[in-house]
Amino acid sequence: MENKRKHLELIQGIINRMSSNSFMLKGWAVTLVAGIFAISAKDADKMYFLVAYIPVIIFWFLDAYYLKQEHLYICLYDEVRQRGEEEIDFCLNAAQYDTKEEYTKCLLSNTEKWFYLPLAALCTGIIIVTHI
């Protein structure tokens, strides 16, 4: 049973890292958008404000990638959990669970939409308020 426990701990560590990366990306996205608005407030050029959408889009796609990886390793965890002790091989390859639809599902998941869409809406609101 010790090998199974160790293998599950390894997979759980990967899942925790993916989750932590996703959380940090959200923090960086907010920080960069706020920084862009602070810098662009000095110069009233409308094009500076549009740059705020770039980190929102880039971090949304990157965050979806980490969420996809997290889901793949959760599938691997579930499979290893059901294996017998003699079947444990310490394989950490979760690519076998990857599907073409998985990334799109993660990109449009509630956790992603309800963070990045309001952030983009906030950017739009600030642009409208400052340029009217």
N, C-alpha and C. Protein backbone atom coordinates (compact mmCIF):
# COMPACT_ATOMS: atom_id res chain seq x y z
N MET A 1 0.82 -1.20 0.00
CA MET A 1 0.00 0.00 0.00
C MET A 1 0.87 1.27 0.00
N GLU A 2 2.12 1.13 0.42
CA GLU A 2 3.03 2.28 0.51
C GLU A 2 3.32 2.87 -0.87
N ASN A 3 3.53 2.01 -1.88
CA ASN A 3 3.80 2.50 -3.24
C ASN A 3 2.62 3.29 -3.78
N LYS A 4 1.44 2.79 -3.55
CA LYS A 4 0.23 3.48 -4.03
C LYS A 4 0.10 4.85 -3.36
N ARG A 5 0.35 4.90 -2.07
CA ARG A 5 0.26 6.16 -1.34
C ARG A 5 1.29 7.17 -1.86
N LYS A 6 2.50 6.71 -2.10
CA LYS A 6 3.56 7.60 -2.62
C LYS A 6 3.21 8.12 -4.01
N HIS A 7 2.69 7.24 -4.86
CA HIS A 7 2.32 7.64 -6.22
C HIS A 7 1.20 8.68 -6.16
N LEU A 8 0.21 8.46 -5.32
CA LEU A 8 -0.89 9.43 -5.18
C LEU A 8 -0.38 10.76 -4.62
N GLU A 9 0.59 10.71 -3.72
CA GLU A 9 1.17 11.94 -3.17
C GLU A 9 1.90 12.73 -4.27
N LEU A 10 2.62 12.03 -5.14
CA LEU A 10 3.30 12.70 -6.25
C LEU A 10 2.29 13.40 -7.16
N ILE A 11 1.24 12.70 -7.49
CA ILE A 11 0.22 13.29 -8.37
C ILE A 11 -0.47 14.46 -7.67
N GLN A 12 -0.76 14.31 -6.40
CA GLN A 12 -1.40 15.40 -5.65
C GLN A 12 -0.50 16.63 -5.59
N GLY A 13 0.79 16.43 -5.49
CA GLY A 13 1.73 17.56 -5.52
C GLY A 13 1.66 18.32 -6.83
N ILE A 14 1.55 17.58 -7.93
CA ILE A 14 1.42 18.22 -9.25
C ILE A 14 0.12 19.00 -9.34
N ILE A 15 -0.97 18.40 -8.86
CA ILE A 15 -2.27 19.08 -8.88
C ILE A 15 -2.21 20.36 -8.06
N ASN A 16 -1.58 20.31 -6.92
CA ASN A 16 -1.45 21.50 -6.07
C ASN A 16 -0.63 22.59 -6.77
N ARG A 17 0.43 22.21 -7.47
CA ARG A 17 1.24 23.20 -8.19
C ARG A 17 0.44 23.86 -9.30
N MET A 18 -0.33 23.08 -10.03
CA MET A 18 -1.15 23.64 -11.12
C MET A 18 -2.17 24.62 -10.56
N SER A 19 -2.77 24.26 -9.46
CA SER A 19 -3.75 25.13 -8.81
C SER A 19 -3.08 26.42 -8.31
N SER A 20 -1.90 26.28 -7.74
CA SER A 20 -1.15 27.44 -7.26
C SER A 20 -0.75 28.36 -8.41
N ASN A 21 -0.33 27.77 -9.53
CA ASN A 21 0.03 28.57 -10.71
C ASN A 21 -1.18 29.35 -11.23
N SER A 22 -2.32 28.70 -11.25
CA SER A 22 -3.54 29.35 -11.71
C SER A 22 -3.88 30.54 -10.81
N PHE A 23 -3.76 30.35 -9.51
CA PHE A 23 -4.05 31.43 -8.56
C PHE A 23 -3.08 32.60 -8.75
N MET A 24 -1.81 32.30 -8.95
CA MET A 24 -0.82 33.35 -9.15
C MET A 24 -1.05 34.11 -10.46
N LEU A 25 -1.48 33.41 -11.50
CA LEU A 25 -1.77 34.08 -12.77
C LEU A 25 -2.90 35.08 -12.63
N LYS A 26 -3.89 34.73 -11.86
CA LYS A 26 -5.01 35.66 -11.64
C LYS A 26 -4.51 36.91 -10.92
N GLY A 27 -3.65 36.73 -9.95
CA GLY A 27 -3.08 37.88 -9.25
C GLY A 27 -2.24 38.76 -10.16
N TRP A 28 -1.43 38.13 -11.00
CA TRP A 28 -0.60 38.89 -11.94
C TRP A 28 -1.45 39.62 -12.97
N ALA A 29 -2.55 39.00 -13.40
CA ALA A 29 -3.42 39.65 -14.38
C ALA A 29 -3.99 40.94 -13.81
N VAL A 30 -4.48 40.88 -12.58
CA VAL A 30 -5.04 42.08 -11.96
C VAL A 30 -3.96 43.13 -11.75
N THR A 31 -2.79 42.71 -11.30
CA THR A 31 -1.69 43.64 -11.07
C THR A 31 -1.26 44.34 -12.35
N LEU A 32 -1.10 43.58 -13.43
CA LEU A 32 -0.67 44.18 -14.70
C LEU A 32 -1.72 45.11 -15.27
N VAL A 33 -2.99 44.74 -15.19
CA VAL A 33 -4.05 45.62 -15.70
C VAL A 33 -4.07 46.92 -14.89
N ALA A 34 -3.97 46.82 -13.58
CA ALA A 34 -3.94 48.03 -12.75
C ALA A 34 -2.70 48.87 -13.06
N GLY A 35 -1.57 48.22 -13.26
CA GLY A 35 -0.35 48.95 -13.61
C GLY A 35 -0.45 49.65 -14.95
N ILE A 36 -1.05 48.99 -15.91
CA ILE A 36 -1.22 49.61 -17.24
C ILE A 36 -2.12 50.83 -17.14
N PHE A 37 -3.19 50.72 -16.36
CA PHE A 37 -4.07 51.88 -16.21
C PHE A 37 -3.38 53.01 -15.46
N ALA A 38 -2.55 52.68 -14.49
CA ALA A 38 -1.83 53.72 -13.76
C ALA A 38 -0.84 54.44 -14.68
N ILE A 39 -0.14 53.69 -15.50
CA ILE A 39 0.83 54.30 -16.43
C ILE A 39 0.11 55.10 -17.51
N SER A 40 -0.99 54.55 -18.02
CA SER A 40 -1.68 55.22 -19.11
C SER A 40 -2.48 56.43 -18.64
N ALA A 41 -2.69 56.56 -17.34
CA ALA A 41 -3.41 57.73 -16.83
C ALA A 41 -2.58 59.00 -17.02
N LYS A 42 -1.27 58.87 -17.02
CA LYS A 42 -0.39 60.02 -17.24
C LYS A 42 -0.54 60.54 -18.67
N ASP A 43 -0.49 59.61 -19.60
CA ASP A 43 -0.61 59.97 -21.01
C ASP A 43 -2.04 59.66 -21.45
N ALA A 44 -2.73 60.62 -21.92
CA ALA A 44 -4.14 60.46 -22.24
C ALA A 44 -4.38 59.84 -23.61
N ASP A 45 -3.40 59.20 -24.17
CA ASP A 45 -3.57 58.56 -25.47
C ASP A 45 -4.48 57.35 -25.33
N LYS A 46 -5.49 57.26 -26.16
CA LYS A 46 -6.48 56.19 -26.07
C LYS A 46 -5.87 54.81 -26.33
N MET A 47 -4.83 54.75 -27.09
CA MET A 47 -4.22 53.46 -27.42
C MET A 47 -3.58 52.78 -26.20
N TYR A 48 -3.11 53.55 -25.24
CA TYR A 48 -2.53 52.96 -24.04
C TYR A 48 -3.56 52.15 -23.27
N PHE A 49 -4.78 52.64 -23.24
CA PHE A 49 -5.82 51.94 -22.50
C PHE A 49 -6.15 50.59 -23.15
N LEU A 50 -6.05 50.52 -24.46
CA LEU A 50 -6.36 49.27 -25.15
C LEU A 50 -5.33 48.17 -24.86
N VAL A 51 -4.15 48.58 -24.45
CA VAL A 51 -3.10 47.62 -24.10
C VAL A 51 -3.51 46.80 -22.87
N ALA A 52 -4.42 47.30 -22.07
CA ALA A 52 -4.86 46.59 -20.87
C ALA A 52 -5.55 45.26 -21.20
N TYR A 53 -6.10 45.15 -22.39
CA TYR A 53 -6.75 43.90 -22.79
C TYR A 53 -5.75 42.78 -23.07
N ILE A 54 -4.53 43.14 -23.42
CA ILE A 54 -3.53 42.13 -23.78
C ILE A 54 -3.24 41.18 -22.61
N PRO A 55 -2.93 41.67 -21.41
CA PRO A 55 -2.68 40.72 -20.32
C PRO A 55 -3.92 39.92 -19.95
N VAL A 56 -5.10 40.52 -20.09
CA VAL A 56 -6.32 39.78 -19.77
C VAL A 56 -6.43 38.56 -20.68
N ILE A 57 -6.24 38.77 -21.96
CA ILE A 57 -6.36 37.67 -22.93
C ILE A 57 -5.25 36.64 -22.74
N ILE A 58 -4.02 37.10 -22.61
CA ILE A 58 -2.88 36.18 -22.46
C ILE A 58 -3.01 35.36 -21.18
N PHE A 59 -3.33 36.01 -20.07
CA PHE A 59 -3.44 35.27 -18.81
C PHE A 59 -4.65 34.35 -18.80
N TRP A 60 -5.72 34.72 -19.49
CA TRP A 60 -6.89 33.85 -19.59
C TRP A 60 -6.50 32.53 -20.28
N PHE A 61 -5.80 32.63 -21.39
CA PHE A 61 -5.39 31.43 -22.13
C PHE A 61 -4.38 30.62 -21.32
N LEU A 62 -3.45 31.28 -20.67
CA LEU A 62 -2.45 30.57 -19.87
C LEU A 62 -3.10 29.90 -18.66
N ASP A 63 -4.02 30.59 -18.02
CA ASP A 63 -4.72 30.04 -16.88
C ASP A 63 -5.55 28.82 -17.28
N ALA A 64 -6.18 28.88 -18.45
CA ALA A 64 -6.94 27.73 -18.96
C ALA A 64 -6.03 26.54 -19.20
N TYR A 65 -4.81 26.80 -19.64
CA TYR A 65 -3.84 25.71 -19.84
C TYR A 65 -3.53 25.01 -18.52
N TYR A 66 -3.28 25.79 -17.46
CA TYR A 66 -3.00 25.19 -16.17
C TYR A 66 -4.21 24.46 -15.61
N LEU A 67 -5.40 24.99 -15.85
CA LEU A 67 -6.61 24.31 -15.40
C LEU A 67 -6.78 22.99 -16.15
N LYS A 68 -6.45 22.98 -17.43
CA LYS A 68 -6.52 21.73 -18.21
C LYS A 68 -5.54 20.71 -17.66
N GLN A 69 -4.32 21.13 -17.38
CA GLN A 69 -3.33 20.23 -16.82
C GLN A 69 -3.80 19.67 -15.47
N GLU A 70 -4.40 20.54 -14.67
CA GLU A 70 -4.92 20.10 -13.37
C GLU A 70 -5.99 19.02 -13.57
N HIS A 71 -6.88 19.22 -14.53
CA HIS A 71 -7.93 18.22 -14.80
C HIS A 71 -7.33 16.90 -15.27
N LEU A 72 -6.30 16.97 -16.11
CA LEU A 72 -5.67 15.74 -16.59
C LEU A 72 -5.06 14.94 -15.44
N TYR A 73 -4.41 15.65 -14.52
CA TYR A 73 -3.80 14.95 -13.39
C TYR A 73 -4.83 14.46 -12.39
N ILE A 74 -5.97 15.10 -12.33
CA ILE A 74 -7.05 14.58 -11.50
C ILE A 74 -7.56 13.25 -12.07
N CYS A 75 -7.63 13.16 -13.40
CA CYS A 75 -8.01 11.89 -14.04
C CYS A 75 -6.98 10.81 -13.75
N LEU A 76 -5.70 11.17 -13.83
CA LEU A 76 -4.64 10.21 -13.51
C LEU A 76 -4.74 9.77 -12.06
N TYR A 77 -4.98 10.72 -11.16
CA TYR A 77 -5.13 10.40 -9.74
C TYR A 77 -6.26 9.39 -9.54
N ASP A 78 -7.37 9.64 -10.22
CA ASP A 78 -8.52 8.75 -10.07
C ASP A 78 -8.20 7.34 -10.57
N GLU A 79 -7.45 7.26 -11.66
CA GLU A 79 -7.08 5.94 -12.18
C GLU A 79 -6.14 5.22 -11.22
N VAL A 80 -5.13 5.93 -10.72
CA VAL A 80 -4.17 5.31 -9.80
C VAL A 80 -4.86 4.89 -8.51
N ARG A 81 -5.82 5.68 -8.10
CA ARG A 81 -6.58 5.36 -6.87
C ARG A 81 -7.28 4.01 -6.99
N GLN A 82 -7.70 3.66 -8.19
CA GLN A 82 -8.45 2.41 -8.40
C GLN A 82 -7.54 1.21 -8.70
N ARG A 83 -6.27 1.45 -8.92
CA ARG A 83 -5.33 0.36 -9.22
C ARG A 83 -4.99 -0.43 -7.97
N GLY A 84 -4.54 -1.65 -8.22
CA GLY A 84 -4.03 -2.46 -7.12
C GLY A 84 -2.57 -2.10 -6.84
N GLU A 85 -2.09 -2.51 -5.71
CA GLU A 85 -0.71 -2.20 -5.30
C GLU A 85 0.32 -2.74 -6.29
N GLU A 86 0.06 -3.89 -6.87
CA GLU A 86 1.01 -4.50 -7.80
C GLU A 86 1.04 -3.80 -9.15
N GLU A 87 0.05 -2.97 -9.45
CA GLU A 87 -0.01 -2.26 -10.74
C GLU A 87 0.64 -0.88 -10.69
N ILE A 88 1.13 -0.44 -9.55
CA ILE A 88 1.71 0.89 -9.41
C ILE A 88 3.04 0.95 -10.14
N ASP A 89 3.16 1.90 -11.07
CA ASP A 89 4.39 2.04 -11.86
C ASP A 89 5.01 3.43 -11.73
N PHE A 90 4.44 4.30 -10.93
CA PHE A 90 4.91 5.67 -10.69
C PHE A 90 4.95 6.52 -11.96
N CYS A 91 4.13 6.18 -12.93
CA CYS A 91 4.03 6.96 -14.16
C CYS A 91 3.26 8.25 -13.87
N LEU A 92 3.80 9.37 -14.32
CA LEU A 92 3.14 10.66 -14.12
C LEU A 92 2.67 11.27 -15.44
N ASN A 93 2.57 10.46 -16.46
CA ASN A 93 2.14 10.94 -17.77
C ASN A 93 0.61 10.96 -17.82
N ALA A 94 0.04 12.16 -17.89
CA ALA A 94 -1.42 12.31 -17.93
C ALA A 94 -1.92 12.63 -19.33
N ALA A 95 -1.04 12.56 -20.32
CA ALA A 95 -1.41 12.93 -21.69
C ALA A 95 -2.48 12.01 -22.27
N GLN A 96 -2.60 10.81 -21.76
CA GLN A 96 -3.58 9.88 -22.29
C GLN A 96 -5.02 10.34 -22.06
N TYR A 97 -5.23 11.26 -21.14
CA TYR A 97 -6.57 11.76 -20.83
C TYR A 97 -6.91 13.02 -21.60
N ASP A 98 -5.95 13.53 -22.36
CA ASP A 98 -6.13 14.79 -23.09
C ASP A 98 -7.04 14.58 -24.29
N THR A 99 -7.99 15.49 -24.44
CA THR A 99 -8.86 15.50 -25.62
C THR A 99 -8.81 16.88 -26.24
N LYS A 100 -9.24 16.98 -27.46
CA LYS A 100 -9.22 18.27 -28.14
C LYS A 100 -10.19 19.26 -27.49
N GLU A 101 -11.25 18.75 -26.92
CA GLU A 101 -12.26 19.62 -26.32
C GLU A 101 -11.89 20.09 -24.92
N GLU A 102 -10.91 19.44 -24.31
CA GLU A 102 -10.56 19.74 -22.92
C GLU A 102 -10.11 21.18 -22.72
N TYR A 103 -9.28 21.69 -23.63
CA TYR A 103 -8.78 23.06 -23.48
C TYR A 103 -9.92 24.06 -23.63
N THR A 104 -10.81 23.83 -24.59
CA THR A 104 -11.95 24.74 -24.78
C THR A 104 -12.87 24.71 -23.57
N LYS A 105 -13.09 23.51 -23.02
CA LYS A 105 -13.90 23.40 -21.81
C LYS A 105 -13.30 24.21 -20.67
N CYS A 106 -11.99 24.13 -20.52
CA CYS A 106 -11.33 24.86 -19.45
C CYS A 106 -11.34 26.37 -19.72
N LEU A 107 -11.17 26.75 -20.97
CA LEU A 107 -11.17 28.16 -21.33
C LEU A 107 -12.52 28.81 -21.01
N LEU A 108 -13.58 28.06 -21.20
CA LEU A 108 -14.93 28.58 -20.98
C LEU A 108 -15.55 28.09 -19.67
N SER A 109 -14.74 27.57 -18.78
CA SER A 109 -15.27 27.11 -17.49
C SER A 109 -15.72 28.29 -16.65
N ASN A 110 -16.57 28.02 -15.69
CA ASN A 110 -17.11 29.10 -14.85
C ASN A 110 -16.02 29.84 -14.09
N THR A 111 -15.02 29.12 -13.61
CA THR A 111 -13.96 29.79 -12.84
C THR A 111 -13.17 30.76 -13.69
N GLU A 112 -13.03 30.45 -14.97
CA GLU A 112 -12.29 31.33 -15.87
C GLU A 112 -13.18 32.49 -16.33
N LYS A 113 -14.39 32.15 -16.77
CA LYS A 113 -15.30 33.20 -17.27
C LYS A 113 -15.62 34.23 -16.21
N TRP A 114 -15.90 33.77 -14.98
CA TRP A 114 -16.32 34.70 -13.94
C TRP A 114 -15.17 35.50 -13.33
N PHE A 115 -13.97 35.23 -13.78
CA PHE A 115 -12.85 36.08 -13.38
C PHE A 115 -12.43 37.01 -14.51
N TYR A 116 -12.19 36.46 -15.69
CA TYR A 116 -11.62 37.25 -16.78
C TYR A 116 -12.65 38.11 -17.51
N LEU A 117 -13.89 37.67 -17.64
CA LEU A 117 -14.90 38.53 -18.28
C LEU A 117 -15.19 39.79 -17.45
N PRO A 118 -15.38 39.68 -16.13
CA PRO A 118 -15.54 40.91 -15.36
C PRO A 118 -14.29 41.82 -15.39
N LEU A 119 -13.11 41.20 -15.46
CA LEU A 119 -11.89 42.00 -15.57
C LEU A 119 -11.87 42.76 -16.89
N ALA A 120 -12.26 42.10 -17.97
CA ALA A 120 -12.35 42.77 -19.27
C ALA A 120 -13.44 43.83 -19.26
N ALA A 121 -14.56 43.54 -18.59
CA ALA A 121 -15.65 44.52 -18.49
C ALA A 121 -15.19 45.73 -17.68
N LEU A 122 -14.42 45.51 -16.65
CA LEU A 122 -13.87 46.61 -15.85
C LEU A 122 -12.95 47.47 -16.72
N CYS A 123 -12.13 46.83 -17.53
CA CYS A 123 -11.26 47.57 -18.45
C CYS A 123 -12.10 48.43 -19.39
N THR A 124 -13.14 47.84 -19.93
CA THR A 124 -14.02 48.58 -20.84
C THR A 124 -14.67 49.75 -20.12
N GLY A 125 -15.15 49.51 -18.90
CA GLY A 125 -15.77 50.59 -18.12
C GLY A 125 -14.82 51.72 -17.84
N ILE A 126 -13.60 51.42 -17.48
CA ILE A 126 -12.61 52.46 -17.20
C ILE A 126 -12.29 53.23 -18.46
N ILE A 127 -12.16 52.53 -19.59
CA ILE A 127 -11.89 53.22 -20.85
C ILE A 127 -13.04 54.17 -21.22
N ILE A 128 -14.26 53.70 -21.03
CA ILE A 128 -15.42 54.54 -21.36
C ILE A 128 -15.49 55.75 -20.45
N VAL A 129 -15.32 55.55 -19.16
CA VAL A 129 -15.41 56.65 -18.19
C VAL A 129 -14.30 57.68 -18.41
N THR A 130 -13.12 57.25 -18.70
CA THR A 130 -12.01 58.19 -18.82
C THR A 130 -11.96 58.91 -20.17
N HIS A 131 -12.70 58.41 -21.15
CA HIS A 131 -12.63 59.04 -22.46
C HIS A 131 -13.96 59.66 -22.92
N ILE A 132 -14.85 59.86 -21.99
CA ILE A 132 -16.11 60.54 -22.36
C ILE A 132 -16.09 61.96 -21.82
